[in-house]
Amino acid sequence: MNPEDVKVLLESALPDCEFQVASEGSHFNIIAVGDVFAGKRAVQRQQLIYAALQQEISSGAMHAVNMKIFTPDEWQANA
């Protein structure tokens, strides 16, 4: 599994979001930005990402996932 495959999966599950995906082997770093995360706690945001990747995590194709998840306003404030 490569970063582009992960990005495609995420984009199909959360189409109104932007994603940056990097990997080192089966360890993935994901930055997600989207309005869908507004008003959600950190755990709820992570659950949206995990739901999109559940099959790959369960199969072992993805061993570890590190996420940074933002609304567009949060992303701009951190930029």
N, C-alpha and C. Protein backbone atom coordinates (compact mmCIF):
# COMPACT_ATOMS: atom_id res chain seq x y z
N MET A 1 0.85 -1.17 0.00
CA MET A 1 0.00 0.00 0.00
C MET A 1 0.90 1.24 0.00
N ASN A 2 0.63 2.16 -0.90
CA ASN A 2 1.44 3.38 -0.98
C ASN A 2 0.59 4.60 -0.61
N PRO A 3 1.23 5.75 -0.37
CA PRO A 3 0.50 6.94 0.05
C PRO A 3 -0.61 7.35 -0.92
N GLU A 4 -0.39 7.19 -2.21
CA GLU A 4 -1.43 7.57 -3.18
C GLU A 4 -2.66 6.69 -3.04
N ASP A 5 -2.47 5.39 -2.79
CA ASP A 5 -3.61 4.48 -2.57
C ASP A 5 -4.42 4.92 -1.36
N VAL A 6 -3.73 5.29 -0.29
CA VAL A 6 -4.40 5.73 0.93
C VAL A 6 -5.16 7.03 0.67
N LYS A 7 -4.55 7.93 -0.07
CA LYS A 7 -5.20 9.21 -0.39
C LYS A 7 -6.48 8.97 -1.19
N VAL A 8 -6.44 8.07 -2.14
CA VAL A 8 -7.63 7.75 -2.95
C VAL A 8 -8.74 7.19 -2.06
N LEU A 9 -8.40 6.29 -1.15
CA LEU A 9 -9.40 5.75 -0.22
C LEU A 9 -10.03 6.84 0.63
N LEU A 10 -9.20 7.71 1.16
CA LEU A 10 -9.71 8.79 2.00
C LEU A 10 -10.58 9.76 1.21
N GLU A 11 -10.14 10.10 0.01
CA GLU A 11 -10.91 11.03 -0.83
C GLU A 11 -12.26 10.45 -1.23
N SER A 12 -12.33 9.15 -1.43
CA SER A 12 -13.61 8.55 -1.79
C SER A 12 -14.55 8.49 -0.59
N ALA A 13 -14.01 8.32 0.62
CA ALA A 13 -14.85 8.28 1.82
C ALA A 13 -15.23 9.67 2.32
N LEU A 14 -14.32 10.62 2.16
CA LEU A 14 -14.53 12.00 2.63
C LEU A 14 -14.22 12.96 1.49
N PRO A 15 -15.13 13.04 0.50
CA PRO A 15 -14.82 13.74 -0.75
C PRO A 15 -14.59 15.24 -0.63
N ASP A 16 -15.09 15.88 0.41
CA ASP A 16 -14.92 17.32 0.52
C ASP A 16 -13.71 17.72 1.36
N CYS A 17 -12.80 16.79 1.56
CA CYS A 17 -11.61 17.05 2.36
C CYS A 17 -10.35 17.01 1.49
N GLU A 18 -9.30 17.62 2.02
CA GLU A 18 -7.99 17.55 1.38
C GLU A 18 -7.08 16.70 2.26
N PHE A 19 -6.24 15.90 1.61
CA PHE A 19 -5.37 14.98 2.35
C PHE A 19 -3.94 15.08 1.86
N GLN A 20 -3.02 14.97 2.81
CA GLN A 20 -1.61 14.77 2.52
C GLN A 20 -1.24 13.46 3.20
N VAL A 21 -0.62 12.55 2.46
CA VAL A 21 -0.28 11.24 3.01
C VAL A 21 1.18 10.95 2.71
N ALA A 22 1.89 10.53 3.74
CA ALA A 22 3.28 10.10 3.60
C ALA A 22 3.42 8.78 4.33
N SER A 23 4.43 8.00 3.94
CA SER A 23 4.60 6.71 4.61
C SER A 23 6.06 6.34 4.73
N GLU A 24 6.28 5.49 5.71
CA GLU A 24 7.55 4.79 5.89
C GLU A 24 7.17 3.34 6.06
N GLY A 25 7.23 2.58 4.98
CA GLY A 25 6.78 1.20 5.01
C GLY A 25 5.28 1.14 5.23
N SER A 26 4.85 0.45 6.28
CA SER A 26 3.42 0.33 6.56
C SER A 26 2.95 1.33 7.62
N HIS A 27 3.79 2.34 7.92
CA HIS A 27 3.44 3.40 8.86
C HIS A 27 3.07 4.65 8.05
N PHE A 28 1.87 5.17 8.29
CA PHE A 28 1.38 6.28 7.49
C PHE A 28 1.14 7.52 8.34
N ASN A 29 1.51 8.67 7.78
CA ASN A 29 1.23 9.97 8.38
C ASN A 29 0.21 10.67 7.49
N ILE A 30 -0.89 11.08 8.10
CA ILE A 30 -1.99 11.68 7.34
C ILE A 30 -2.30 13.05 7.91
N ILE A 31 -2.40 14.02 7.03
CA ILE A 31 -2.94 15.33 7.38
C ILE A 31 -4.25 15.46 6.62
N ALA A 32 -5.32 15.74 7.35
CA ALA A 32 -6.64 15.87 6.76
C ALA A 32 -7.21 17.24 7.09
N VAL A 33 -7.80 17.90 6.09
CA VAL A 33 -8.40 19.22 6.27
C VAL A 33 -9.78 19.20 5.64
N GLY A 34 -10.80 19.54 6.42
CA GLY A 34 -12.14 19.58 5.86
C GLY A 34 -13.17 20.12 6.83
N ASP A 35 -14.23 20.67 6.28
CA ASP A 35 -15.34 21.19 7.08
C ASP A 35 -16.06 20.09 7.84
N VAL A 36 -15.97 18.85 7.36
CA VAL A 36 -16.64 17.73 8.00
C VAL A 36 -16.17 17.54 9.44
N PHE A 37 -15.00 18.05 9.78
CA PHE A 37 -14.44 17.88 11.11
C PHE A 37 -14.89 18.97 12.10
N ALA A 38 -15.57 19.99 11.60
CA ALA A 38 -16.03 21.09 12.46
C ALA A 38 -16.99 20.57 13.52
N GLY A 39 -16.78 21.00 14.75
CA GLY A 39 -17.67 20.64 15.84
C GLY A 39 -17.46 19.24 16.39
N LYS A 40 -16.46 18.53 15.88
CA LYS A 40 -16.19 17.17 16.34
C LYS A 40 -14.96 17.16 17.25
N ARG A 41 -15.02 16.33 18.27
CA ARG A 41 -13.86 16.14 19.15
C ARG A 41 -12.79 15.35 18.39
N ALA A 42 -11.60 15.34 18.93
CA ALA A 42 -10.46 14.65 18.28
C ALA A 42 -10.78 13.19 17.99
N VAL A 43 -11.39 12.50 18.95
CA VAL A 43 -11.70 11.08 18.77
C VAL A 43 -12.71 10.89 17.63
N GLN A 44 -13.70 11.76 17.55
CA GLN A 44 -14.69 11.65 16.48
C GLN A 44 -14.06 11.89 15.11
N ARG A 45 -13.11 12.81 15.06
CA ARG A 45 -12.40 13.08 13.81
C ARG A 45 -11.60 11.85 13.39
N GLN A 46 -10.89 11.26 14.35
CA GLN A 46 -10.09 10.07 14.06
C GLN A 46 -10.98 8.91 13.60
N GLN A 47 -12.15 8.78 14.19
CA GLN A 47 -13.05 7.69 13.81
C GLN A 47 -13.45 7.79 12.35
N LEU A 48 -13.61 8.99 11.84
CA LEU A 48 -13.94 9.17 10.41
C LEU A 48 -12.81 8.64 9.52
N ILE A 49 -11.58 8.94 9.91
CA ILE A 49 -10.41 8.47 9.15
C ILE A 49 -10.28 6.96 9.26
N TYR A 50 -10.37 6.44 10.49
CA TYR A 50 -10.25 4.99 10.69
C TYR A 50 -11.33 4.23 9.93
N ALA A 51 -12.54 4.77 9.88
CA ALA A 51 -13.62 4.09 9.16
C ALA A 51 -13.28 3.94 7.68
N ALA A 52 -12.65 4.95 7.11
CA ALA A 52 -12.27 4.90 5.69
C ALA A 52 -11.15 3.90 5.43
N LEU A 53 -10.33 3.64 6.45
CA LEU A 53 -9.14 2.79 6.27
C LEU A 53 -9.25 1.44 6.98
N GLN A 54 -10.40 1.15 7.56
CA GLN A 54 -10.57 -0.02 8.41
C GLN A 54 -10.15 -1.32 7.74
N GLN A 55 -10.52 -1.51 6.50
CA GLN A 55 -10.19 -2.77 5.81
C GLN A 55 -8.67 -2.94 5.65
N GLU A 56 -7.98 -1.85 5.32
CA GLU A 56 -6.54 -1.92 5.13
C GLU A 56 -5.81 -2.13 6.46
N ILE A 57 -6.32 -1.53 7.52
CA ILE A 57 -5.72 -1.71 8.84
C ILE A 57 -5.95 -3.15 9.30
N SER A 58 -7.17 -3.64 9.12
CA SER A 58 -7.50 -5.02 9.54
C SER A 58 -6.68 -6.06 8.79
N SER A 59 -6.41 -5.79 7.52
CA SER A 59 -5.67 -6.75 6.70
C SER A 59 -4.17 -6.73 7.00
N GLY A 60 -3.70 -5.70 7.69
CA GLY A 60 -2.28 -5.57 7.97
C GLY A 60 -1.52 -4.77 6.93
N ALA A 61 -2.21 -4.32 5.89
CA ALA A 61 -1.56 -3.50 4.86
C ALA A 61 -1.07 -2.18 5.46
N MET A 62 -1.79 -1.70 6.46
CA MET A 62 -1.38 -0.51 7.19
C MET A 62 -1.17 -0.94 8.64
N HIS A 63 0.03 -0.69 9.14
CA HIS A 63 0.35 -1.11 10.50
C HIS A 63 0.09 0.01 11.51
N ALA A 64 0.46 1.23 11.17
CA ALA A 64 0.29 2.36 12.07
C ALA A 64 -0.15 3.58 11.29
N VAL A 65 -1.00 4.38 11.93
CA VAL A 65 -1.52 5.59 11.30
C VAL A 65 -1.38 6.74 12.29
N ASN A 66 -0.70 7.78 11.87
CA ASN A 66 -0.57 9.00 12.65
C ASN A 66 -1.38 10.07 11.93
N MET A 67 -2.30 10.72 12.65
CA MET A 67 -3.19 11.68 12.01
C MET A 67 -3.08 13.06 12.63
N LYS A 68 -3.15 14.05 11.78
CA LYS A 68 -3.34 15.44 12.18
C LYS A 68 -4.56 15.90 11.39
N ILE A 69 -5.60 16.30 12.10
CA ILE A 69 -6.89 16.57 11.46
C ILE A 69 -7.34 17.98 11.81
N PHE A 70 -7.71 18.75 10.78
CA PHE A 70 -8.04 20.16 10.95
C PHE A 70 -9.30 20.53 10.19
N THR A 71 -9.99 21.56 10.68
CA THR A 71 -10.97 22.25 9.85
C THR A 71 -10.17 23.23 8.99
N PRO A 72 -10.76 23.78 7.93
CA PRO A 72 -10.01 24.76 7.13
C PRO A 72 -9.54 25.97 7.97
N ASP A 73 -10.37 26.43 8.90
CA ASP A 73 -9.96 27.57 9.74
C ASP A 73 -8.79 27.20 10.65
N GLU A 74 -8.82 25.99 11.21
CA GLU A 74 -7.71 25.54 12.05
C GLU A 74 -6.44 25.42 11.23
N TRP A 75 -6.57 24.90 10.01
CA TRP A 75 -5.41 24.75 9.13
C TRP A 75 -4.78 26.11 8.82
N GLN A 76 -5.63 27.10 8.51
CA GLN A 76 -5.12 28.44 8.22
C GLN A 76 -4.42 29.03 9.44
N ALA A 77 -4.97 28.80 10.63
CA ALA A 77 -4.38 29.34 11.85
C ALA A 77 -3.02 28.71 12.15
N ASN A 78 -2.84 27.45 11.70
CA ASN A 78 -1.58 26.75 11.94
C ASN A 78 -0.57 26.96 10.83
N ALA A 79 -1.00 27.52 9.73
CA ALA A 79 -0.11 27.67 8.57
C ALA A 79 0.91 28.76 8.78
